[in-house]
Amino acid sequence: MFVALWTVVWAVVTIMASACSNGNKANGNQNDDDTINTIPVDTALRNRLESFAEKPRPQGKFAFHVFDITADKPVFGFNDTLALPSASCMKLLSGIAGLHLLGSNYEYQTELLTGGKVDADGTLAGNLAFKAGLDPQLMAADLNDFSKAVKEKGVKKVAGKVFVDLTITEPVKSEQHWYPWDLTFSKYGLLYKGGDKVVKNLKASLRAHGVAVADSQVVVARAPEGMTTVHIVKRPVDEVVKRMWKNSSNTQATAMLYTIGHKENPDADPVASGVAYLRRFLHNDLEMTDRTLCIHDGCGLCTYNRLSPKALTTILRFGYKNKEIRASLERNLPVSGVDGTLAREMTGPKTRGKVRAKTGTLSHPYGISSLAGFCEASNGHLLAFAIMDSEMSVLDARVLQRKLCEELVK
């Protein structure tokens, strides 16, 4: 029902946008042509939000912003341009920016290739090559499928070299402002654990499948041209985005940052290049020029990250205006009381199944919590919202998030 609603709302928004010539930017400002747009904002909702902002609440920093996508107008904001720690809501920026840059049909590819013929005794008179991109979900055990493909070609021994062609050879490192325990290195995919790990696991897998390979034959280098693919694994970027948003995976979000950085500049450090792209995307594509907004990573672990509620709703609106990114948001954002990081949140009848949103939580330093996403208002309009809290108990912050969503869907 929620997806069907989005489809109807989008048709209304498209017709309205065509009539108003609103352009492609999503900076949250009202347009000069808004007088042509006759779709009203719910004044009762605006009054409820104003009352919500004025109610007593726990001490701490508190801000929110609500935008009516159907009417293409802001509804209400409280401290909505205040730059606050974003926590994992940063994944909305990296995910939407990544889909915008890479395309929603982007696929990660990992290949095993051969060059030369296999003689009667099973010797490959040529080279073998393992060519890897940045697939963050490829694990050491998956190498067995590659080794099986070589064995099925009748290869028992390689006469030439075994090329390990990697996009990155250094393992993922902690961002300087991450807390040490935030980097769970063991949970990263094999390709993010460094070239030595890939070589070690590849040799072990080949040997376990009866393919003789000497240590001296294995080199980390570009694969020669003209080789033939014998096995390939393709992974849609949507599978990475799903784990980023639905499960708030820091490893997948970091991999997305690497992918963005490598796409932008294959010769540069992928993290630095990826962060630079996110900053340009925020400034140029979203027209968010506030210098207090700050980006240090793609996953939100850095406590120096700063976004505002208005920046988050602007990011959401940009994604919603793109048909393919909108579909990804529909599929992959957690649903209140149903799945993902919202499975146990907002489970009551007022909100269950009515909110799709990204959570963000950091318990250190004290109390950082945010929530940003979409919901349907009582008048049938689709709303984009963001609420951010810091220096406040996470439990208290989640109560405020629930109460805001109850006001939105009332």
Protein backbone atom coordinates (compact mmCIF):
# COMPACT_ATOMS: atom_id res chain seq x y z
CA MET A 1 0.00 0.00 0.00
CA PHE A 2 2.86 2.34 0.89
CA VAL A 3 4.57 1.79 -2.48
CA ALA A 4 1.29 2.29 -4.32
CA LEU A 5 0.78 5.57 -2.48
CA TRP A 6 4.23 6.77 -3.50
CA THR A 7 3.39 6.01 -7.14
CA VAL A 8 0.19 8.08 -6.98
CA VAL A 9 1.89 10.91 -5.13
CA TRP A 10 4.73 10.98 -7.63
CA ALA A 11 2.27 11.32 -10.52
CA VAL A 12 0.73 14.34 -8.79
CA VAL A 13 4.14 15.85 -8.05
CA THR A 14 5.28 15.35 -11.66
CA ILE A 15 2.22 17.12 -13.09
CA MET A 16 2.57 19.95 -10.59
CA ALA A 17 6.31 20.31 -11.24
CA SER A 18 5.73 20.47 -14.99
CA ALA A 19 3.19 23.25 -14.56
CA CYS A 20 5.38 25.21 -12.19
CA SER A 21 8.72 24.79 -14.01
CA ASN A 22 10.41 24.10 -10.69
CA GLY A 23 13.71 22.88 -12.17
CA ASN A 24 15.86 20.00 -10.94
CA LYS A 25 17.40 21.42 -7.75
CA ALA A 26 16.19 20.39 -4.31
CA ASN A 27 17.46 23.10 -2.00
CA GLY A 28 14.36 23.33 0.18
CA ASN A 29 13.55 26.92 -0.78
CA GLN A 30 10.16 27.98 -2.11
CA ASN A 31 10.20 28.87 -5.79
CA ASP A 32 9.10 32.16 -7.35
CA ASP A 33 6.38 30.19 -9.16
CA ASP A 34 4.81 28.79 -6.00
CA THR A 35 1.76 30.97 -6.56
CA ILE A 36 0.90 28.66 -9.48
CA ASN A 37 1.03 25.65 -7.20
CA THR A 38 -2.40 25.45 -5.59
CA ILE A 39 -1.76 22.29 -3.56
CA PRO A 40 -1.97 23.49 0.06
CA VAL A 41 0.12 22.45 3.03
CA ASP A 42 -1.90 21.01 5.90
CA THR A 43 -2.20 23.93 8.34
CA ALA A 44 -3.41 21.59 11.09
CA LEU A 45 -0.20 19.61 10.72
CA ARG A 46 1.84 22.80 10.79
CA ASN A 47 0.09 23.83 14.01
CA ARG A 48 0.73 20.42 15.58
CA LEU A 49 4.42 20.61 14.66
CA GLU A 50 4.71 24.10 16.12
CA SER A 51 3.12 22.84 19.32
CA PHE A 52 5.43 19.81 19.33
CA ALA A 53 8.46 22.09 19.08
CA GLU A 54 7.32 24.11 22.09
CA LYS A 55 6.59 21.19 24.41
CA PRO A 56 8.93 20.46 27.34
CA ARG A 57 11.63 17.91 26.49
CA PRO A 58 14.86 16.51 27.91
CA GLN A 59 17.92 18.75 27.86
CA GLY A 60 20.08 18.56 24.79
CA LYS A 61 20.23 19.78 21.22
CA PHE A 62 17.06 19.17 19.24
CA ALA A 63 16.05 20.04 15.68
CA PHE A 64 13.68 18.83 12.99
CA HIS A 65 12.37 19.70 9.53
CA VAL A 66 9.30 18.52 7.61
CA PHE A 67 8.73 19.00 3.88
CA ASP A 68 5.52 18.22 2.00
CA ILE A 69 6.61 16.45 -1.19
CA THR A 70 3.09 16.40 -2.63
CA ALA A 71 2.69 20.16 -2.28
CA ASP A 72 6.43 20.72 -2.92
CA LYS A 73 6.58 23.12 0.03
CA PRO A 74 8.15 23.14 3.49
CA VAL A 75 5.73 22.52 6.33
CA PHE A 76 7.62 23.45 9.48
CA GLY A 77 11.12 23.49 10.87
CA PHE A 78 12.64 23.95 14.31
CA ASN A 79 16.38 24.70 14.40
CA ASP A 80 16.24 23.09 10.97
CA THR A 81 19.52 24.58 9.70
CA LEU A 82 21.44 23.69 12.87
CA ALA A 83 24.38 21.45 11.96
CA LEU A 84 24.41 18.43 14.28
CA PRO A 85 26.19 15.04 14.36
CA SER A 86 24.40 12.92 11.79
CA ALA A 87 25.42 9.43 12.92
CA SER A 88 24.24 6.81 10.38
CA CYS A 89 21.88 9.20 8.60
CA MET A 90 25.10 10.07 6.75
CA LYS A 91 24.39 6.84 4.85
CA LEU A 92 21.48 8.60 3.14
CA LEU A 93 23.92 11.07 1.61
CA SER A 94 26.51 8.47 0.56
CA GLY A 95 23.84 6.10 -0.76
CA ILE A 96 21.90 8.65 -2.79
CA ALA A 97 25.05 10.37 -4.05
CA GLY A 98 26.51 6.97 -4.96
CA LEU A 99 23.42 5.90 -6.89
CA HIS A 100 23.43 9.28 -8.65
CA LEU A 101 27.08 8.92 -9.69
CA LEU A 102 27.22 5.19 -10.45
CA GLY A 103 23.70 4.66 -11.71
CA SER A 104 21.15 2.35 -10.10
CA ASN A 105 22.10 -0.46 -12.53
CA TYR A 106 25.77 -0.43 -11.50
CA GLU A 107 27.26 -3.87 -10.81
CA TYR A 108 30.39 -4.93 -8.95
CA GLN A 109 32.33 -7.53 -10.95
CA THR A 110 34.91 -10.12 -9.89
CA GLU A 111 36.43 -12.41 -12.54
CA LEU A 112 38.76 -15.36 -12.95
CA LEU A 113 40.44 -15.52 -16.35
CA THR A 114 42.76 -17.88 -18.24
CA GLY A 115 45.20 -17.31 -21.06
CA GLY A 116 46.46 -20.25 -23.08
CA LYS A 117 45.40 -23.85 -23.67
CA VAL A 118 45.18 -26.77 -21.28
CA ASP A 119 47.25 -29.76 -22.44
CA ALA A 120 46.52 -33.45 -21.91
CA ASP A 121 48.14 -33.62 -18.48
CA GLY A 122 46.15 -30.65 -17.18
CA THR A 123 48.82 -27.96 -17.49
CA LEU A 124 47.60 -24.50 -18.43
CA ALA A 125 50.17 -23.30 -20.96
CA GLY A 126 49.69 -19.69 -20.03
CA ASN A 127 48.50 -17.48 -17.20
CA LEU A 128 45.69 -17.40 -14.69
CA ALA A 129 44.26 -14.12 -13.42
CA PHE A 130 41.96 -13.11 -10.58
CA LYS A 131 40.57 -9.66 -11.41
CA ALA A 132 38.65 -7.93 -8.62
CA GLY A 133 36.76 -4.69 -8.28
CA LEU A 134 35.37 -3.45 -4.97
CA ASP A 135 32.60 -5.95 -4.22
CA PRO A 136 32.13 -5.57 -0.44
CA GLN A 137 30.19 -8.80 -0.06
CA LEU A 138 32.74 -11.17 -1.60
CA MET A 139 34.09 -13.38 1.19
CA ALA A 140 37.03 -15.81 1.33
CA ALA A 141 34.69 -18.80 1.02
CA ASP A 142 33.39 -17.43 -2.29
CA LEU A 143 36.79 -18.07 -3.87
CA ASN A 144 35.88 -21.76 -3.95
CA ASP A 145 33.47 -21.07 -6.81
CA PHE A 146 36.31 -19.55 -8.82
CA SER A 147 38.61 -22.49 -8.07
CA LYS A 148 35.90 -24.97 -9.05
CA ALA A 149 35.55 -23.23 -12.41
CA VAL A 150 39.29 -23.64 -13.03
CA LYS A 151 39.18 -27.30 -12.03
CA GLU A 152 36.23 -27.90 -14.36
CA LYS A 153 38.38 -26.58 -17.23
CA GLY A 154 40.74 -29.45 -16.53
CA VAL A 155 43.50 -27.29 -15.07
CA LYS A 156 45.78 -29.05 -12.58
CA LYS A 157 48.85 -26.87 -12.94
CA VAL A 158 49.65 -23.37 -14.19
CA ALA A 159 52.76 -22.99 -16.33
CA GLY A 160 52.81 -19.20 -16.31
CA LYS A 161 51.88 -16.61 -13.72
CA VAL A 162 48.86 -16.17 -11.48
CA PHE A 163 47.97 -12.48 -11.65
CA VAL A 164 46.04 -11.00 -8.73
CA ASP A 165 44.61 -7.84 -10.24
CA LEU A 166 43.15 -5.71 -7.43
CA THR A 167 41.51 -2.29 -7.40
CA ILE A 168 42.90 -1.65 -3.91
CA THR A 169 45.79 -3.43 -2.23
CA GLU A 170 45.77 -1.76 1.18
CA PRO A 171 43.30 -2.81 3.89
CA VAL A 172 40.59 -0.48 5.18
CA LYS A 173 41.84 1.78 7.94
CA SER A 174 39.99 3.59 10.67
CA GLU A 175 39.05 7.20 9.99
CA GLN A 176 41.01 9.41 12.38
CA HIS A 177 37.94 10.39 14.41
CA TRP A 178 36.39 6.93 14.70
CA TYR A 179 36.41 5.26 18.06
CA PRO A 180 38.76 2.22 17.95
CA TRP A 181 36.01 -0.33 18.56
CA ASP A 182 33.91 0.98 15.67
CA LEU A 183 36.10 -0.66 13.01
CA THR A 184 35.05 -4.32 13.00
CA PHE A 185 37.70 -5.38 10.52
CA SER A 186 36.63 -9.03 10.43
CA LYS A 187 33.24 -8.05 9.01
CA TYR A 188 34.69 -6.45 5.88
CA GLY A 189 34.65 -8.38 2.63
CA LEU A 190 37.86 -10.07 1.49
CA LEU A 191 38.72 -7.37 -1.05
CA TYR A 192 38.93 -4.77 1.74
CA LYS A 193 41.37 -6.76 3.87
CA GLY A 194 44.44 -6.06 1.76
CA GLY A 195 46.29 -7.72 -1.09
CA ASP A 196 48.18 -10.16 1.17
CA LYS A 197 44.91 -11.62 2.48
CA VAL A 198 43.51 -12.01 -1.03
CA VAL A 199 46.67 -13.77 -2.26
CA LYS A 200 46.78 -16.09 0.75
CA ASN A 201 43.14 -17.14 0.39
CA LEU A 202 43.31 -17.52 -3.39
CA LYS A 203 46.35 -19.80 -3.23
CA ALA A 204 44.72 -21.90 -0.51
CA SER A 205 41.48 -22.23 -2.48
CA LEU A 206 43.19 -23.23 -5.74
CA ARG A 207 45.37 -25.81 -4.00
CA ALA A 208 42.37 -27.24 -2.14
CA HIS A 209 40.76 -27.87 -5.54
CA GLY A 210 43.77 -29.65 -6.97
CA VAL A 211 45.31 -26.74 -8.89
CA ALA A 212 49.07 -26.64 -8.20
CA VAL A 213 50.37 -23.11 -7.75
CA ALA A 214 53.82 -22.16 -6.46
CA ASP A 215 54.25 -19.08 -4.30
CA SER A 216 56.71 -17.66 -6.82
CA GLN A 217 54.09 -17.75 -9.57
CA VAL A 218 51.65 -15.45 -7.81
CA VAL A 219 52.07 -11.73 -8.47
CA VAL A 220 49.91 -8.74 -7.57
CA ALA A 221 49.73 -6.95 -10.91
CA ARG A 222 47.42 -6.03 -13.76
CA ALA A 223 46.10 -8.96 -15.76
CA PRO A 224 47.37 -9.19 -19.36
CA GLU A 225 44.94 -8.23 -22.12
CA GLY A 226 43.14 -10.86 -24.16
CA MET A 227 42.46 -13.40 -21.43
CA THR A 228 39.24 -15.43 -21.31
CA THR A 229 36.77 -15.23 -18.43
CA VAL A 230 35.99 -18.63 -16.93
CA HIS A 231 33.97 -17.41 -13.94
CA ILE A 232 32.41 -14.09 -13.02
CA VAL A 233 30.42 -12.82 -10.06
CA LYS A 234 28.23 -9.74 -10.55
CA ARG A 235 26.64 -8.02 -7.59
CA PRO A 236 24.08 -5.23 -8.07
CA VAL A 237 24.80 -2.03 -6.17
CA ASP A 238 21.26 -2.29 -4.78
CA GLU A 239 22.39 -5.19 -2.58
CA VAL A 240 24.99 -2.92 -1.02
CA VAL A 241 22.53 -0.05 -0.58
CA LYS A 242 20.04 -2.42 1.07
CA ARG A 243 22.51 -3.35 3.80
CA MET A 244 23.58 0.29 4.15
CA TRP A 245 20.06 1.50 4.79
CA LYS A 246 18.00 -1.44 6.03
CA ASN A 247 20.69 -2.78 8.38
CA SER A 248 22.83 0.37 8.75
CA SER A 249 25.98 -1.54 7.77
CA ASN A 250 29.12 0.54 8.28
CA THR A 251 31.21 -1.85 6.18
CA GLN A 252 28.89 -1.51 3.18
CA ALA A 253 28.74 2.27 3.52
CA THR A 254 32.53 2.47 3.69
CA ALA A 255 32.69 0.29 0.58
CA MET A 256 30.28 2.67 -1.15
CA LEU A 257 32.61 5.55 -0.31
CA TYR A 258 35.53 3.59 -1.83
CA THR A 259 33.44 2.90 -4.93
CA ILE A 260 32.49 6.56 -5.31
CA GLY A 261 36.10 7.65 -4.84
CA HIS A 262 37.47 5.15 -7.35
CA LYS A 263 34.81 6.10 -9.89
CA GLU A 264 35.68 9.77 -9.53
CA ASN A 265 39.45 9.31 -9.70
CA PRO A 266 40.92 5.79 -10.12
CA ASP A 267 44.42 7.08 -9.39
CA ALA A 268 43.63 8.89 -6.12
CA ASP A 269 43.11 7.68 -2.57
CA PRO A 270 39.52 6.37 -2.73
CA VAL A 271 38.52 7.66 0.70
CA ALA A 272 39.78 11.19 0.11
CA SER A 273 38.30 11.22 -3.39
CA GLY A 274 34.99 9.83 -2.14
CA VAL A 275 34.66 12.39 0.65
CA ALA A 276 35.52 15.18 -1.80
CA TYR A 277 32.73 13.99 -4.10
CA LEU A 278 30.18 13.91 -1.27
CA ARG A 279 31.11 17.48 -0.37
CA ARG A 280 30.73 18.63 -3.99
CA PHE A 281 27.43 16.78 -4.31
CA LEU A 282 26.11 18.52 -1.21
CA HIS A 283 27.31 21.93 -2.41
CA ASN A 284 26.70 21.75 -6.17
CA ASP A 285 23.83 19.31 -6.70
CA LEU A 286 21.88 20.07 -3.55
CA GLU A 287 22.91 23.73 -3.24
CA MET A 288 23.58 23.27 0.48
CA THR A 289 26.34 25.83 0.92
CA ASP A 290 26.28 26.22 4.71
CA ARG A 291 29.90 25.90 5.83
CA THR A 292 28.90 24.38 9.17
CA LEU A 293 27.90 21.19 7.32
CA CYS A 294 30.83 18.77 7.50
CA ILE A 295 31.58 15.37 5.93
CA HIS A 296 34.40 13.08 7.07
CA ASP A 297 33.22 9.63 6.02
CA GLY A 298 30.39 7.81 4.25
CA CYS A 299 29.01 5.76 7.12
CA GLY A 300 28.47 8.26 9.93
CA LEU A 301 30.85 6.81 12.53
CA CYS A 302 32.86 10.01 12.63
CA THR A 303 31.61 12.25 15.41
CA TYR A 304 32.83 15.29 13.46
CA ASN A 305 30.23 14.76 10.71
CA ARG A 306 27.65 17.52 10.69
CA LEU A 307 24.37 17.67 8.77
CA SER A 308 21.20 19.62 9.49
CA PRO A 309 17.58 18.42 9.38
CA LYS A 310 17.03 20.62 6.32
CA ALA A 311 20.09 19.09 4.62
CA LEU A 312 18.69 15.61 5.26
CA THR A 313 15.24 16.41 3.84
CA THR A 314 16.95 18.01 0.84
CA ILE A 315 18.96 14.82 0.28
CA LEU A 316 15.75 12.78 0.50
CA ARG A 317 13.93 15.05 -1.93
CA PHE A 318 16.77 14.80 -4.45
CA GLY A 319 16.62 11.02 -4.26
CA TYR A 320 12.85 10.98 -4.52
CA LYS A 321 12.84 13.05 -7.70
CA ASN A 322 14.93 10.38 -9.47
CA LYS A 323 12.70 7.45 -10.42
CA GLU A 324 15.35 4.76 -9.92
CA ILE A 325 16.71 6.16 -6.67
CA ARG A 326 13.15 6.57 -5.43
CA ALA A 327 12.56 2.87 -6.07
CA SER A 328 15.66 2.04 -4.04
CA LEU A 329 14.41 4.20 -1.18
CA GLU A 330 11.07 2.39 -1.30
CA ARG A 331 12.73 -1.04 -1.19
CA ASN A 332 15.56 -0.45 1.20
CA LEU A 333 14.62 2.01 3.94
CA PRO A 334 13.59 0.36 7.22
CA VAL A 335 9.85 0.25 7.89
CA SER A 336 8.60 1.21 11.35
CA GLY A 337 7.76 -1.80 13.50
CA VAL A 338 8.42 -4.16 10.58
CA ASP A 339 12.05 -4.60 9.57
CA GLY A 340 15.62 -3.35 9.59
CA THR A 341 16.75 -1.00 12.31
CA LEU A 342 13.13 0.07 12.88
CA ALA A 343 11.83 -3.46 13.50
CA ARG A 344 11.49 -2.77 17.23
CA GLU A 345 10.76 0.94 17.00
CA MET A 346 7.34 2.56 16.59
CA THR A 347 5.54 -0.76 16.82
CA GLY A 348 2.27 0.75 18.09
CA PRO A 349 -0.84 1.00 15.90
CA LYS A 350 -0.32 4.73 15.30
CA THR A 351 2.97 4.27 13.48
CA ARG A 352 3.57 0.61 12.64
CA GLY A 353 4.21 0.21 8.91
CA LYS A 354 3.62 3.92 8.27
CA VAL A 355 7.17 5.28 8.36
CA ARG A 356 10.15 4.49 6.11
CA ALA A 357 13.27 6.03 7.53
CA LYS A 358 17.01 5.75 8.17
CA THR A 359 18.12 5.62 11.78
CA GLY A 360 21.33 7.06 13.15
CA THR A 361 22.70 6.34 16.60
CA LEU A 362 26.00 6.94 18.39
CA SER A 363 26.25 6.40 22.13
CA HIS A 364 29.64 8.09 22.31
CA PRO A 365 30.12 10.89 22.86
CA TYR A 366 26.98 11.16 24.93
CA GLY A 367 23.71 10.69 23.12
CA ILE A 368 23.57 11.20 19.34
CA SER A 369 20.42 10.02 17.58
CA SER A 370 18.72 10.95 14.30
CA LEU A 371 15.91 9.72 12.07
CA ALA A 372 15.13 10.79 8.51
CA GLY A 373 12.75 9.44 5.92
CA PHE A 374 9.20 9.48 4.57
CA CYS A 375 5.66 8.99 5.81
CA GLU A 376 2.09 9.62 4.71
CA ALA A 377 0.22 12.48 6.37
CA SER A 378 -3.45 12.24 7.31
CA ASN A 379 -4.39 14.23 4.19
CA GLY A 380 -2.69 11.68 1.94
CA HIS A 381 0.36 13.86 1.25
CA LEU A 382 3.82 12.34 1.28
CA LEU A 383 6.18 13.99 3.76
CA ALA A 384 9.96 14.00 4.00
CA PHE A 385 11.17 14.58 7.53
CA ALA A 386 14.33 14.62 9.63
CA ILE A 387 14.77 14.87 13.37
CA MET A 388 18.19 15.16 15.03
CA ASP A 389 19.14 15.02 18.70
CA SER A 390 22.50 15.18 20.45
CA GLU A 391 23.84 15.56 23.97
CA MET A 392 20.70 13.70 24.99
CA SER A 393 19.94 10.18 26.13
CA VAL A 394 19.36 8.00 23.06
CA LEU A 395 16.26 6.58 24.74
CA ASP A 396 14.86 10.08 25.24
CA ALA A 397 15.72 10.95 21.65
CA ARG A 398 13.84 7.93 20.33
CA VAL A 399 10.76 8.95 22.30
CA LEU A 400 10.90 12.35 20.59
CA GLN A 401 11.30 10.66 17.21
CA ARG A 402 8.28 8.47 17.84
CA LYS A 403 6.18 11.41 19.01
CA LEU A 404 7.11 13.45 15.94
CA CYS A 405 6.12 10.60 13.64
CA GLU A 406 2.83 10.24 15.49
CA GLU A 407 2.13 13.91 14.81
CA LEU A 408 3.03 13.48 11.14
CA VAL A 409 0.67 10.55 10.52
CA LYS A 410 -2.13 11.71 12.88
